Amino acid sequence: MRVEEPLRKFYSSMMFKIMGRELKQAKTATSGKGIDRLLAKAEDLKQEAGAARTLVVEGDGSFNSQRGPTLHQKFISDLKTMAQAQNVLVTCADEFRTSMTCCPCGTVGQ
């Protein structure tokens, strides 16, 4: 018996397809919870500040993949879509040297 036959049988089985679908659903649910929490926090901050609109800044890290959009790209896309519906502005920021910049004065450390 060749090795390919049992592997082919397993990967084409209904059990494998169901497991893959369940994993995909779990990833989507987890991402959705993160977005919901982020937008809820943005709403809280908006009310505290008495502002008309909230700004959420996300890193524009590029994580290239040969197989299509990465989880980071999908998360950001979903975040922007959901944020727009709640009048929250999402923008990108270059992450280079952000941890070396003083927030109050903007001085870049050595």
PDB file of N, CA and C in Angstrom:
ATOM      1  N   MET A   1       0.839  -1.181   0.000  1.00  0.00           N
ATOM      2  CA  MET A   1       0.000   0.000   0.000  1.00  0.00           C
ATOM      3  C   MET A   1       0.886   1.248   0.000  1.00  0.00           C
ATOM      4  N   ARG A   2       0.592   2.157  -0.851  1.00  0.00           N
ATOM      5  CA  ARG A   2       1.374   3.376  -0.953  1.00  0.00           C
ATOM      6  C   ARG A   2       0.941   4.371   0.123  1.00  0.00           C
ATOM      7  N   VAL A   3       1.849   5.238   0.503  1.00  0.00           N
ATOM      8  CA  VAL A   3       1.585   6.221   1.560  1.00  0.00           C
ATOM      9  C   VAL A   3       0.532   7.239   1.126  1.00  0.00           C
ATOM     10  N   GLU A   4       0.504   7.582  -0.142  1.00  0.00           N
ATOM     11  CA  GLU A   4      -0.409   8.627  -0.604  1.00  0.00           C
ATOM     12  C   GLU A   4      -1.879   8.240  -0.435  1.00  0.00           C
ATOM     13  N   GLU A   5      -2.201   6.974  -0.564  1.00  0.00           N
ATOM     14  CA  GLU A   5      -3.606   6.566  -0.506  1.00  0.00           C
ATOM     15  C   GLU A   5      -4.259   6.866   0.846  1.00  0.00           C
ATOM     16  N   PRO A   6      -3.646   6.458   1.978  1.00  0.00           N
ATOM     17  CA  PRO A   6      -4.278   6.808   3.254  1.00  0.00           C
ATOM     18  C   PRO A   6      -4.327   8.316   3.505  1.00  0.00           C
ATOM     19  N   LEU A   7      -3.277   9.026   3.087  1.00  0.00           N
ATOM     20  CA  LEU A   7      -3.280  10.478   3.263  1.00  0.00           C
ATOM     21  C   LEU A   7      -4.373  11.130   2.432  1.00  0.00           C
ATOM     22  N   ARG A   8      -4.501  10.702   1.196  1.00  0.00           N
ATOM     23  CA  ARG A   8      -5.537  11.239   0.330  1.00  0.00           C
ATOM     24  C   ARG A   8      -6.924  10.961   0.914  1.00  0.00           C
ATOM     25  N   LYS A   9      -7.093   9.764   1.440  1.00  0.00           N
ATOM     26  CA  LYS A   9      -8.366   9.388   2.038  1.00  0.00           C
ATOM     27  C   LYS A   9      -8.678  10.265   3.257  1.00  0.00           C
ATOM     28  N   PHE A  10      -7.670  10.499   4.101  1.00  0.00           N
ATOM     29  CA  PHE A  10      -7.873  11.321   5.299  1.00  0.00           C
ATOM     30  C   PHE A  10      -8.210  12.759   4.937  1.00  0.00           C
ATOM     31  N   TYR A  11      -7.400  13.377   4.053  1.00  0.00           N
ATOM     32  CA  TYR A  11      -7.605  14.782   3.729  1.00  0.00           C
ATOM     33  C   TYR A  11      -8.879  15.038   2.933  1.00  0.00           C
ATOM     34  N   SER A  12      -9.426  14.035   2.317  1.00  0.00           N
ATOM     35  CA  SER A  12     -10.687  14.219   1.607  1.00  0.00           C
ATOM     36  C   SER A  12     -11.880  13.799   2.468  1.00  0.00           C
ATOM     37  N   SER A  13     -11.615  13.348   3.697  1.00  0.00           N
ATOM     38  CA  SER A  13     -12.699  12.884   4.561  1.00  0.00           C
ATOM     39  C   SER A  13     -13.529  14.057   5.073  1.00  0.00           C
ATOM     40  N   MET A  14     -14.769  13.771   5.415  1.00  0.00           N
ATOM     41  CA  MET A  14     -15.675  14.782   5.943  1.00  0.00           C
ATOM     42  C   MET A  14     -15.176  15.293   7.297  1.00  0.00           C
ATOM     43  N   MET A  15     -14.599  14.403   8.114  1.00  0.00           N
ATOM     44  CA  MET A  15     -14.101  14.806   9.421  1.00  0.00           C
ATOM     45  C   MET A  15     -13.036  15.898   9.291  1.00  0.00           C
ATOM     46  N   PHE A  16     -12.126  15.744   8.349  1.00  0.00           N
ATOM     47  CA  PHE A  16     -11.076  16.738   8.150  1.00  0.00           C
ATOM     48  C   PHE A  16     -11.674  18.062   7.690  1.00  0.00           C
ATOM     49  N   LYS A  17     -12.645  18.012   6.806  1.00  0.00           N
ATOM     50  CA  LYS A  17     -13.275  19.237   6.316  1.00  0.00           C
ATOM     51  C   LYS A  17     -14.035  19.949   7.435  1.00  0.00           C
ATOM     52  N   ILE A  18     -14.710  19.191   8.297  1.00  0.00           N
ATOM     53  CA  ILE A  18     -15.439  19.786   9.419  1.00  0.00           C
ATOM     54  C   ILE A  18     -14.463  20.427  10.405  1.00  0.00           C
ATOM     55  N   MET A  19     -13.352  19.744  10.689  1.00  0.00           N
ATOM     56  CA  MET A  19     -12.349  20.303  11.599  1.00  0.00           C
ATOM     57  C   MET A  19     -11.793  21.614  11.050  1.00  0.00           C
ATOM     58  N   GLY A  20     -11.536  21.673   9.766  1.00  0.00           N
ATOM     59  CA  GLY A  20     -11.034  22.893   9.141  1.00  0.00           C
ATOM     60  C   GLY A  20     -12.037  24.030   9.224  1.00  0.00           C
ATOM     61  N   ARG A  21     -13.299  23.720   8.993  1.00  0.00           N
ATOM     62  CA  ARG A  21     -14.345  24.741   9.067  1.00  0.00           C
ATOM     63  C   ARG A  21     -14.494  25.259  10.498  1.00  0.00           C
ATOM     64  N   GLU A  22     -14.459  24.359  11.481  1.00  0.00           N
ATOM     65  CA  GLU A  22     -14.582  24.761  12.881  1.00  0.00           C
ATOM     66  C   GLU A  22     -13.415  25.640  13.309  1.00  0.00           C
ATOM     67  N   LEU A  23     -12.221  25.324  12.846  1.00  0.00           N
ATOM     68  CA  LEU A  23     -11.053  26.141  13.169  1.00  0.00           C
ATOM     69  C   LEU A  23     -11.196  27.535  12.567  1.00  0.00           C
ATOM     70  N   LYS A  24     -11.671  27.604  11.353  1.00  0.00           N
ATOM     71  CA  LYS A  24     -11.875  28.900  10.696  1.00  0.00           C
ATOM     72  C   LYS A  24     -12.924  29.723  11.436  1.00  0.00           C
ATOM     73  N   GLN A  25     -14.002  29.089  11.881  1.00  0.00           N
ATOM     74  CA  GLN A  25     -15.043  29.783  12.637  1.00  0.00           C
ATOM     75  C   GLN A  25     -14.503  30.287  13.969  1.00  0.00           C
ATOM     76  N   ALA A  26     -13.660  29.496  14.627  1.00  0.00           N
ATOM     77  CA  ALA A  26     -13.076  29.902  15.909  1.00  0.00           C
ATOM     78  C   ALA A  26     -12.169  31.116  15.726  1.00  0.00           C
ATOM     79  N   LYS A  27     -11.378  31.147  14.646  1.00  0.00           N
ATOM     80  CA  LYS A  27     -10.519  32.296  14.374  1.00  0.00           C
ATOM     81  C   LYS A  27     -11.360  33.546  14.156  1.00  0.00           C
ATOM     82  N   THR A  28     -12.434  33.418  13.397  1.00  0.00           N
ATOM     83  CA  THR A  28     -13.306  34.556  13.124  1.00  0.00           C
ATOM     84  C   THR A  28     -13.954  35.065  14.402  1.00  0.00           C
ATOM     85  N   ALA A  29     -14.419  34.159  15.256  1.00  0.00           N
ATOM     86  CA  ALA A  29     -15.061  34.554  16.514  1.00  0.00           C
ATOM     87  C   ALA A  29     -14.073  35.271  17.423  1.00  0.00           C
ATOM     88  N   THR A  30     -12.849  34.765  17.505  1.00  0.00           N
ATOM     89  CA  THR A  30     -11.832  35.383  18.352  1.00  0.00           C
ATOM     90  C   THR A  30     -11.487  36.772  17.844  1.00  0.00           C
ATOM     91  N   SER A  31     -11.340  36.907  16.546  1.00  0.00           N
ATOM     92  CA  SER A  31     -11.044  38.210  15.952  1.00  0.00           C
ATOM     93  C   SER A  31     -12.185  39.182  16.212  1.00  0.00           C
ATOM     94  N   GLY A  32     -13.426  38.707  16.065  1.00  0.00           N
ATOM     95  CA  GLY A  32     -14.593  39.555  16.308  1.00  0.00           C
ATOM     96  C   GLY A  32     -14.667  40.047  17.738  1.00  0.00           C
ATOM     97  N   LYS A  33     -14.322  39.181  18.706  1.00  0.00           N
ATOM     98  CA  LYS A  33     -14.327  39.589  20.113  1.00  0.00           C
ATOM     99  C   LYS A  33     -13.289  40.669  20.366  1.00  0.00           C
ATOM    100  N   GLY A  34     -12.126  40.528  19.757  1.00  0.00           N
ATOM    101  CA  GLY A  34     -11.076  41.537  19.920  1.00  0.00           C
ATOM    102  C   GLY A  34     -11.498  42.880  19.366  1.00  0.00           C
ATOM    103  N   ILE A  35     -12.128  42.866  18.217  1.00  0.00           N
ATOM    104  CA  ILE A  35     -12.607  44.107  17.606  1.00  0.00           C
ATOM    105  C   ILE A  35     -13.699  44.726  18.458  1.00  0.00           C
ATOM    106  N   ASP A  36     -14.623  43.910  18.946  1.00  0.00           N
ATOM    107  CA  ASP A  36     -15.701  44.428  19.800  1.00  0.00           C
ATOM    108  C   ASP A  36     -15.140  45.099  21.048  1.00  0.00           C
ATOM    109  N   ARG A  37     -14.157  44.471  21.674  1.00  0.00           N
ATOM    110  CA  ARG A  37     -13.552  45.052  22.876  1.00  0.00           C
ATOM    111  C   ARG A  37     -12.833  46.356  22.563  1.00  0.00           C
ATOM    112  N   LEU A  38     -12.116  46.376  21.453  1.00  0.00           N
ATOM    113  CA  LEU A  38     -11.399  47.580  21.064  1.00  0.00           C
ATOM    114  C   LEU A  38     -12.359  48.735  20.799  1.00  0.00           C
ATOM    115  N   LEU A  39     -13.431  48.470  20.096  1.00  0.00           N
ATOM    116  CA  LEU A  39     -14.393  49.523  19.793  1.00  0.00           C
ATOM    117  C   LEU A  39     -15.158  49.962  21.039  1.00  0.00           C
ATOM    118  N   ALA A  40     -15.416  49.045  21.969  1.00  0.00           N
ATOM    119  CA  ALA A  40     -16.074  49.410  23.228  1.00  0.00           C
ATOM    120  C   ALA A  40     -15.171  50.342  24.036  1.00  0.00           C
ATOM    121  N   LYS A  41     -13.879  50.036  24.076  1.00  0.00           N
ATOM    122  CA  LYS A  41     -12.922  50.901  24.778  1.00  0.00           C
ATOM    123  C   LYS A  41     -12.841  52.264  24.103  1.00  0.00           C
ATOM    124  N   ALA A  42     -12.853  52.293  22.784  1.00  0.00           N
ATOM    125  CA  ALA A  42     -12.827  53.561  22.050  1.00  0.00           C
ATOM    126  C   ALA A  42     -14.060  54.394  22.389  1.00  0.00           C
ATOM    127  N   GLU A  43     -15.213  53.750  22.510  1.00  0.00           N
ATOM    128  CA  GLU A  43     -16.453  54.458  22.873  1.00  0.00           C
ATOM    129  C   GLU A  43     -16.356  55.021  24.287  1.00  0.00           C
ATOM    130  N   ASP A  44     -15.802  54.246  25.205  1.00  0.00           N
ATOM    131  CA  ASP A  44     -15.622  54.723  26.583  1.00  0.00           C
ATOM    132  C   ASP A  44     -14.718  55.955  26.621  1.00  0.00           C
ATOM    133  N   LEU A  45     -13.620  55.891  25.893  1.00  0.00           N
ATOM    134  CA  LEU A  45     -12.685  57.014  25.860  1.00  0.00           C
ATOM    135  C   LEU A  45     -13.328  58.250  25.223  1.00  0.00           C
ATOM    136  N   LYS A  46     -14.137  58.028  24.206  1.00  0.00           N
ATOM    137  CA  LYS A  46     -14.821  59.147  23.545  1.00  0.00           C
ATOM    138  C   LYS A  46     -15.766  59.844  24.515  1.00  0.00           C
ATOM    139  N   GLN A  47     -16.491  59.070  25.314  1.00  0.00           N
ATOM    140  CA  GLN A  47     -17.423  59.660  26.279  1.00  0.00           C
ATOM    141  C   GLN A  47     -16.681  60.386  27.396  1.00  0.00           C
ATOM    142  N   GLU A  48     -15.566  59.819  27.845  1.00  0.00           N
ATOM    143  CA  GLU A  48     -14.770  60.463  28.892  1.00  0.00           C
ATOM    144  C   GLU A  48     -14.237  61.811  28.426  1.00  0.00           C
ATOM    145  N   ALA A  49     -13.786  61.865  27.190  1.00  0.00           N
ATOM    146  CA  ALA A  49     -13.186  63.088  26.662  1.00  0.00           C
ATOM    147  C   ALA A  49     -14.225  64.065  26.123  1.00  0.00           C
ATOM    148  N   GLY A  50     -15.451  63.611  25.952  1.00  0.00           N
ATOM    149  CA  GLY A  50     -16.488  64.466  25.389  1.00  0.00           C
ATOM    150  C   GLY A  50     -16.232  64.781  23.924  1.00  0.00           C
ATOM    151  N   ALA A  51     -15.553  63.882  23.249  1.00  0.00           N
ATOM    152  CA  ALA A  51     -15.192  64.100  21.843  1.00  0.00           C
ATOM    153  C   ALA A  51     -16.324  63.650  20.922  1.00  0.00           C
ATOM    154  N   ALA A  52     -16.291  64.171  19.706  1.00  0.00           N
ATOM    155  CA  ALA A  52     -17.292  63.796  18.723  1.00  0.00           C
ATOM    156  C   ALA A  52     -16.921  62.504  18.003  1.00  0.00           C
ATOM    157  N   ARG A  53     -15.633  62.208  17.971  1.00  0.00           N
ATOM    158  CA  ARG A  53     -15.159  61.047  17.219  1.00  0.00           C
ATOM    159  C   ARG A  53     -13.908  60.482  17.884  1.00  0.00           C
ATOM    160  N   THR A  54     -13.710  59.200  17.769  1.00  0.00           N
ATOM    161  CA  THR A  54     -12.540  58.544  18.346  1.00  0.00           C
ATOM    162  C   THR A  54     -11.585  58.129  17.244  1.00  0.00           C
ATOM    163  N   LEU A  55     -10.302  58.217  17.543  1.00  0.00           N
ATOM    164  CA  LEU A  55      -9.258  57.814  16.609  1.00  0.00           C
ATOM    165  C   LEU A  55      -8.560  56.578  17.152  1.00  0.00           C
ATOM    166  N   VAL A  56      -8.463  55.537  16.344  1.00  0.00           N
ATOM    167  CA  VAL A  56      -7.723  54.331  16.687  1.00  0.00           C
ATOM    168  C   VAL A  56      -6.562  54.231  15.709  1.00  0.00           C
ATOM    169  N   VAL A  57      -5.350  54.106  16.242  1.00  0.00           N
ATOM    170  CA  VAL A  57      -4.168  54.009  15.406  1.00  0.00           C
ATOM    171  C   VAL A  57      -3.646  52.579  15.472  1.00  0.00           C
ATOM    172  N   GLU A  58      -3.410  51.986  14.320  1.00  0.00           N
ATOM    173  CA  GLU A  58      -2.878  50.625  14.260  1.00  0.00           C
ATOM    174  C   GLU A  58      -1.586  50.635  13.477  1.00  0.00           C
ATOM    175  N   GLY A  59      -0.697  49.712  13.837  1.00  0.00           N
ATOM    176  CA  GLY A  59       0.581  49.599  13.147  1.00  0.00           C
ATOM    177  C   GLY A  59       0.398  49.102  11.725  1.00  0.00           C
ATOM    178  N   ASP A  60       1.196  49.614  10.835  1.00  0.00           N
ATOM    179  CA  ASP A  60       1.070  49.222   9.424  1.00  0.00           C
ATOM    180  C   ASP A  60       2.077  48.138   9.049  1.00  0.00           C
ATOM    181  N   GLY A  61       2.395  47.275  10.009  1.00  0.00           N
ATOM    182  CA  GLY A  61       3.336  46.180   9.749  1.00  0.00           C
ATOM    183  C   GLY A  61       2.917  45.369   8.540  1.00  0.00           C
ATOM    184  N   SER A  62       3.878  44.988   7.744  1.00  0.00           N
ATOM    185  CA  SER A  62       3.604  44.221   6.538  1.00  0.00           C
ATOM    186  C   SER A  62       4.065  42.781   6.759  1.00  0.00           C
ATOM    187  N   PHE A  63       3.116  41.879   6.800  1.00  0.00           N
ATOM    188  CA  PHE A  63       3.411  40.466   6.987  1.00  0.00           C
ATOM    189  C   PHE A  63       2.936  39.741   5.733  1.00  0.00           C
ATOM    190  N   ASN A  64       3.797  39.645   4.769  1.00  0.00           N
ATOM    191  CA  ASN A  64       3.418  39.087   3.478  1.00  0.00           C
ATOM    192  C   ASN A  64       3.208  37.579   3.552  1.00  0.00           C
ATOM    193  N   SER A  65       2.267  37.112   2.770  1.00  0.00           N
ATOM    194  CA  SER A  65       1.966  35.692   2.709  1.00  0.00           C
ATOM    195  C   SER A  65       1.746  35.301   1.258  1.00  0.00           C
ATOM    196  N   GLN A  66       2.171  34.117   0.921  1.00  0.00           N
ATOM    197  CA  GLN A  66       1.974  33.614  -0.433  1.00  0.00           C
ATOM    198  C   GLN A  66       0.544  33.113  -0.634  1.00  0.00           C
ATOM    199  N   ARG A  67      -0.167  32.870   0.465  1.00  0.00           N
ATOM    200  CA  ARG A  67      -1.497  32.242   0.381  1.00  0.00           C
ATOM    201  C   ARG A  67      -2.641  33.225   0.562  1.00  0.00           C
ATOM    202  N   GLY A  68      -2.433  34.481   0.281  1.00  0.00           N
ATOM    203  CA  GLY A  68      -3.507  35.448   0.412  1.00  0.00           C
ATOM    204  C   GLY A  68      -3.324  36.324   1.635  1.00  0.00           C
ATOM    205  N   PRO A  69      -4.397  37.010   2.057  1.00  0.00           N
ATOM    206  CA  PRO A  69      -4.272  37.944   3.177  1.00  0.00           C
ATOM    207  C   PRO A  69      -3.916  37.217   4.483  1.00  0.00           C
ATOM    208  N   THR A  70      -3.077  37.854   5.286  1.00  0.00           N
ATOM    209  CA  THR A  70      -2.698  37.275   6.568  1.00  0.00           C
ATOM    210  C   THR A  70      -3.778  37.570   7.604  1.00  0.00           C
ATOM    211  N   LEU A  71      -3.670  36.956   8.769  1.00  0.00           N
ATOM    212  CA  LEU A  71      -4.628  37.227   9.841  1.00  0.00           C
ATOM    213  C   LEU A  71      -4.574  38.689  10.261  1.00  0.00           C
ATOM    214  N   HIS A  72      -3.375  39.280  10.253  1.00  0.00           N
ATOM    215  CA  HIS A  72      -3.233  40.696  10.605  1.00  0.00           C
ATOM    216  C   HIS A  72      -3.990  41.573   9.613  1.00  0.00           C
ATOM    217  N   GLN A  73      -3.819  41.310   8.335  1.00  0.00           N
ATOM    218  CA  GLN A  73      -4.516  42.093   7.311  1.00  0.00           C
ATOM    219  C   GLN A  73      -6.028  41.914   7.409  1.00  0.00           C
ATOM    220  N   LYS A  74      -6.480  40.697   7.667  1.00  0.00           N
ATOM    221  CA  LYS A  74      -7.918  40.431   7.805  1.00  0.00           C
ATOM    222  C   LYS A  74      -8.480  41.147   9.024  1.00  0.00           C
ATOM    223  N   PHE A  75      -7.736  41.100  10.143  1.00  0.00           N
ATOM    224  CA  PHE A  75      -8.168  41.776  11.361  1.00  0.00           C
ATOM    225  C   PHE A  75      -8.318  43.277  11.124  1.00  0.00           C
ATOM    226  N   ILE A  76      -7.313  43.887  10.481  1.00  0.00           N
ATOM    227  CA  ILE A  76      -7.351  45.325  10.231  1.00  0.00           C
ATOM    228  C   ILE A  76      -8.497  45.676   9.289  1.00  0.00           C
ATOM    229  N   SER A  77      -8.713  44.862   8.273  1.00  0.00           N
ATOM    230  CA  SER A  77      -9.816  45.103   7.344  1.00  0.00           C
ATOM    231  C   SER A  77     -11.165  45.045   8.068  1.00  0.00           C
ATOM    232  N   ASP A  78     -11.354  44.021   8.895  1.00  0.00           N
ATOM    233  CA  ASP A  78     -12.598  43.896   9.664  1.00  0.00           C
ATOM    234  C   ASP A  78     -12.756  45.046  10.653  1.00  0.00           C
ATOM    235  N   LEU A  79     -11.652  45.433  11.300  1.00  0.00           N
ATOM    236  CA  LEU A  79     -11.683  46.540  12.251  1.00  0.00           C
ATOM    237  C   LEU A  79     -12.127  47.828  11.566  1.00  0.00           C
ATOM    238  N   LYS A  80     -11.548  48.115  10.413  1.00  0.00           N
ATOM    239  CA  LYS A  80     -11.903  49.343   9.696  1.00  0.00           C
ATOM    240  C   LYS A  80     -13.374  49.340   9.289  1.00  0.00           C
ATOM    241  N   THR A  81     -13.872  48.199   8.848  1.00  0.00           N
ATOM    242  CA  THR A  81     -15.276  48.102   8.438  1.00  0.00           C
ATOM    243  C   THR A  81     -16.210  48.341   9.620  1.00  0.00           C
ATOM    244  N   MET A  82     -15.941  47.658  10.736  1.00  0.00           N
ATOM    245  CA  MET A  82     -16.801  47.789  11.914  1.00  0.00           C
ATOM    246  C   MET A  82     -16.665  49.169  12.557  1.00  0.00           C
ATOM    247  N   ALA A  83     -15.469  49.734  12.534  1.00  0.00           N
ATOM    248  CA  ALA A  83     -15.239  51.048  13.128  1.00  0.00           C
ATOM    249  C   ALA A  83     -15.971  52.135  12.347  1.00  0.00           C
ATOM    250  N   GLN A  84     -15.985  52.009  11.040  1.00  0.00           N
ATOM    251  CA  GLN A  84     -16.660  52.997  10.205  1.00  0.00           C
ATOM    252  C   GLN A  84     -18.148  53.049  10.542  1.00  0.00           C
ATOM    253  N   ALA A  85     -18.739  51.903  10.825  1.00  0.00           N
ATOM    254  CA  ALA A  85     -20.157  51.848  11.166  1.00  0.00           C
ATOM    255  C   ALA A  85     -20.444  52.542  12.499  1.00  0.00           C
ATOM    256  N   GLN A  86     -19.426  52.637  13.370  1.00  0.00           N
ATOM    257  CA  GLN A  86     -19.605  53.272  14.676  1.00  0.00           C
ATOM    258  C   GLN A  86     -18.967  54.658  14.746  1.00  0.00           C
ATOM    259  N   ASN A  87     -18.647  55.227  13.607  1.00  0.00           N
ATOM    260  CA  ASN A  87     -18.058  56.563  13.506  1.00  0.00           C
ATOM    261  C   ASN A  87     -16.729  56.664  14.245  1.00  0.00           C
ATOM    262  N   VAL A  88     -15.925  55.613  14.156  1.00  0.00           N
ATOM    263  CA  VAL A  88     -14.582  55.591  14.727  1.00  0.00           C
ATOM    264  C   VAL A  88     -13.596  55.603  13.569  1.00  0.00           C
ATOM    265  N   LEU A  89     -12.636  56.509  13.642  1.00  0.00           N
ATOM    266  CA  LEU A  89     -11.629  56.623  12.594  1.00  0.00           C
ATOM    267  C   LEU A  89     -10.458  55.706  12.908  1.00  0.00           C
ATOM    268  N   VAL A  90     -10.078  54.848  11.972  1.00  0.00           N
ATOM    269  CA  VAL A  90      -8.923  53.966  12.118  1.00  0.00           C
ATOM    270  C   VAL A  90      -7.886  54.406  11.105  1.00  0.00           C
ATOM    271  N   THR A  91      -6.670  54.621  11.574  1.00  0.00           N
ATOM    272  CA  THR A  91      -5.600  55.053  10.692  1.00  0.00           C
ATOM    273  C   THR A  91      -4.346  54.226  10.949  1.00  0.00           C
ATOM    274  N   CYS A  92      -3.444  54.225   9.998  1.00  0.00           N
ATOM    275  CA  CYS A  92      -2.190  53.477  10.111  1.00  0.00           C
ATOM    276  C   CYS A  92      -1.069  54.401  10.564  1.00  0.00           C
ATOM    277  N   ALA A  93      -0.119  53.818  11.278  1.00  0.00           N
ATOM    278  CA  ALA A  93       1.068  54.573  11.692  1.00  0.00           C
ATOM    279  C   ALA A  93       2.296  53.703  11.469  1.00  0.00           C
ATOM    280  N   ASP A  94       3.358  54.337  11.028  1.00  0.00           N
ATOM    281  CA  ASP A  94       4.612  53.616  10.852  1.00  0.00           C
ATOM    282  C   ASP A  94       5.156  53.261  12.228  1.00  0.00           C
ATOM    283  N   GLU A  95       5.458  51.996  12.444  1.00  0.00           N
ATOM    284  CA  GLU A  95       5.905  51.539  13.756  1.00  0.00           C
ATOM    285  C   GLU A  95       7.390  51.767  13.998  1.00  0.00           C
ATOM    286  N   PHE A  96       8.119  52.164  12.993  1.00  0.00           N
ATOM    287  CA  PHE A  96       9.567  52.323  13.117  1.00  0.00           C
ATOM    288  C   PHE A  96       9.897  53.373  14.167  1.00  0.00           C
ATOM    289  N   ARG A  97      10.687  53.012  15.165  1.00  0.00           N
ATOM    290  CA  ARG A  97      11.175  53.869  16.234  1.00  0.00           C
ATOM    291  C   ARG A  97      10.084  54.404  17.155  1.00  0.00           C
ATOM    292  N   THR A  98       8.910  53.837  17.156  1.00  0.00           N
ATOM    293  CA  THR A  98       7.849  54.342  18.039  1.00  0.00           C
ATOM    294  C   THR A  98       8.173  54.117  19.502  1.00  0.00           C
ATOM    295  N   SER A  99       8.862  53.045  19.819  1.00  0.00           N
ATOM    296  CA  SER A  99       9.167  52.777  21.220  1.00  0.00           C
ATOM    297  C   SER A  99      10.314  53.653  21.730  1.00  0.00           C
ATOM    298  N   MET A 100      10.971  54.388  20.846  1.00  0.00           N
ATOM    299  CA  MET A 100      12.075  55.257  21.257  1.00  0.00           C
ATOM    300  C   MET A 100      11.655  56.721  21.320  1.00  0.00           C
ATOM    301  N   THR A 101      10.390  57.010  21.078  1.00  0.00           N
ATOM    302  CA  THR A 101       9.913  58.379  21.058  1.00  0.00           C
ATOM    303  C   THR A 101       9.192  58.722  22.359  1.00  0.00           C
ATOM    304  N   CYS A 102       9.542  59.841  22.973  1.00  0.00           N
ATOM    305  CA  CYS A 102       8.889  60.290  24.195  1.00  0.00           C
ATOM    306  C   CYS A 102       7.502  60.834  23.843  1.00  0.00           C
ATOM    307  N   CYS A 103       6.467  60.263  24.453  1.00  0.00           N
ATOM    308  CA  CYS A 103       5.091  60.668  24.137  1.00  0.00           C
ATOM    309  C   CYS A 103       4.807  62.134  24.467  1.00  0.00           C
ATOM    310  N   PRO A 104       5.175  62.635  25.661  1.00  0.00           N
ATOM    311  CA  PRO A 104       4.835  64.037  25.989  1.00  0.00           C
ATOM    312  C   PRO A 104       5.535  65.072  25.109  1.00  0.00           C
ATOM    313  N   CYS A 105       6.842  64.848  24.816  1.00  0.00           N
ATOM    314  CA  CYS A 105       7.570  65.911  24.106  1.00  0.00           C
ATOM    315  C   CYS A 105       7.972  65.539  22.684  1.00  0.00           C
ATOM    316  N   GLY A 106       7.934  64.253  22.323  1.00  0.00           N
ATOM    317  CA  GLY A 106       8.277  63.840  20.973  1.00  0.00           C
ATOM    318  C   GLY A 106       9.757  63.669  20.704  1.00  0.00           C
ATOM    319  N   THR A 107      10.568  63.794  21.754  1.00  0.00           N
ATOM    320  CA  THR A 107      12.014  63.625  21.599  1.00  0.00           C
ATOM    321  C   THR A 107      12.348  62.164  21.331  1.00  0.00           C
ATOM    322  N   VAL A 108      13.217  61.931  20.336  1.00  0.00           N
ATOM    323  CA  VAL A 108      13.629  60.563  20.021  1.00  0.00           C
ATOM    324  C   VAL A 108      14.868  60.236  20.843  1.00  0.00           C
ATOM    325  N   GLY A 109      14.796  59.141  21.611  1.00  0.00           N
ATOM    326  CA  GLY A 109      15.915  58.723  22.458  1.00  0.00           C
ATOM    327  C   GLY A 109      17.009  58.048  21.648  1.00  0.00           C
ATOM    328  N   GLN A 110      18.137  57.878  22.297  1.00  0.00           N
ATOM    329  CA  GLN A 110      19.282  57.247  21.634  1.00  0.00           C
ATOM    330  C   GLN A 110      19.272  55.761  21.830  1.00  0.00           C
TER     331      GLN A 110
END
